[in-house]
Amino acid sequence: MKKLFEYFDYQKFMRDFYEEKKQQNPYVSFRYLGRRMDLDPGFLLKVLQGKHHLAKRSIPSVCAFFKFSELEAHYFDVLVSYNKAKTASDTKLYFEKLMSLRKPHVKPVEEFQYAFYQKWYHSAIHSLLSIYEFRGGFKKLASMLVPKITAKQAQDSIDLLTKIGMVYQDDDGVYRSTDMYVTSGDRWKSVAIHNFQKEAIKLSEQALDLHAKEVRDISTVTVALSMKDLPEIRERIDQFRNSIMSLDNEYQPDTVFQVNIQVLPVTVQLGDKE
């Protein structure tokens, strides 16, 4: 069984513990564990099934059962709060607390993946390396981004992309991008992507001043529709996004573009506030 610090899901940690003990001793039961954790056995079952969360008052007795160290108990406490978080800001807060507690013990790939979404230029550099042979010279690499970044930021970005498998250095010393992407799915990833989208929207705002209109396209439309039209709008946007990603390049790629597609209500839905 993995160590506690390798988990982002306390219910999975407890479930793995139960299954391991059950294999070692068939007589281990929810009643047996519940008594020792000072929990109702039926409630413990629902916690392990992901149907309920531990109450704050139950955490000390659970930590005592596992004989956690002070640091482990703190991590478990934050882990419960992270799994119970309902807002993006709370999820981000607790996830970053978990990472800070894990550092003395393990530096998981999730930490680097999370960092990938914190700055817009990581994905830009990843795309750039698919069309540009980079061998070093971080100052030059940094100057190729718009807006420009520092040479230190460019070097840190290459290090990060290498650690998560999105960039590798071939036998000729050229840094090349891979087809690997950090996909969404986990709770922390949705929060990280939320932050990345904020970064991307800021780029669109800056582009109004940084780029001539001949090399950008920022258009807006305000239209009255039914809220029931939103699924179709999303589907059309998805089709458009996929068509851009699968574009058959007639010409050799020579620029990295950030494509932002935005749709959002700018009024309340009629009927809700009447």
Foldseek 3Di string as FASTA:
>chain_A
DDDLLVDLAVLVVVLVVQVVVCVVPVPDALPNVCVQLVHDSVVNVCSNVVNDADDLVSLVSNCVSVVDDPLSSVLSSLSSQLVVDDDLVSVQVSVVVSCVSCVVPDNDLVNLLLVCLQALVLVVLLVVQQQDWDQDDLQVVQVQDVVGDHSVVSVVSLVSCVSNQQWDQDPVRTIHGDPDDDDDDDPSRVSSNVNSVVNLVVVVVVCVVVDDCVPDDDDDDDDDDAPVCVVVVVVVVVVVVVCVVPPDDPDRDDHDDDDDDDDDDPDDHPPPVD
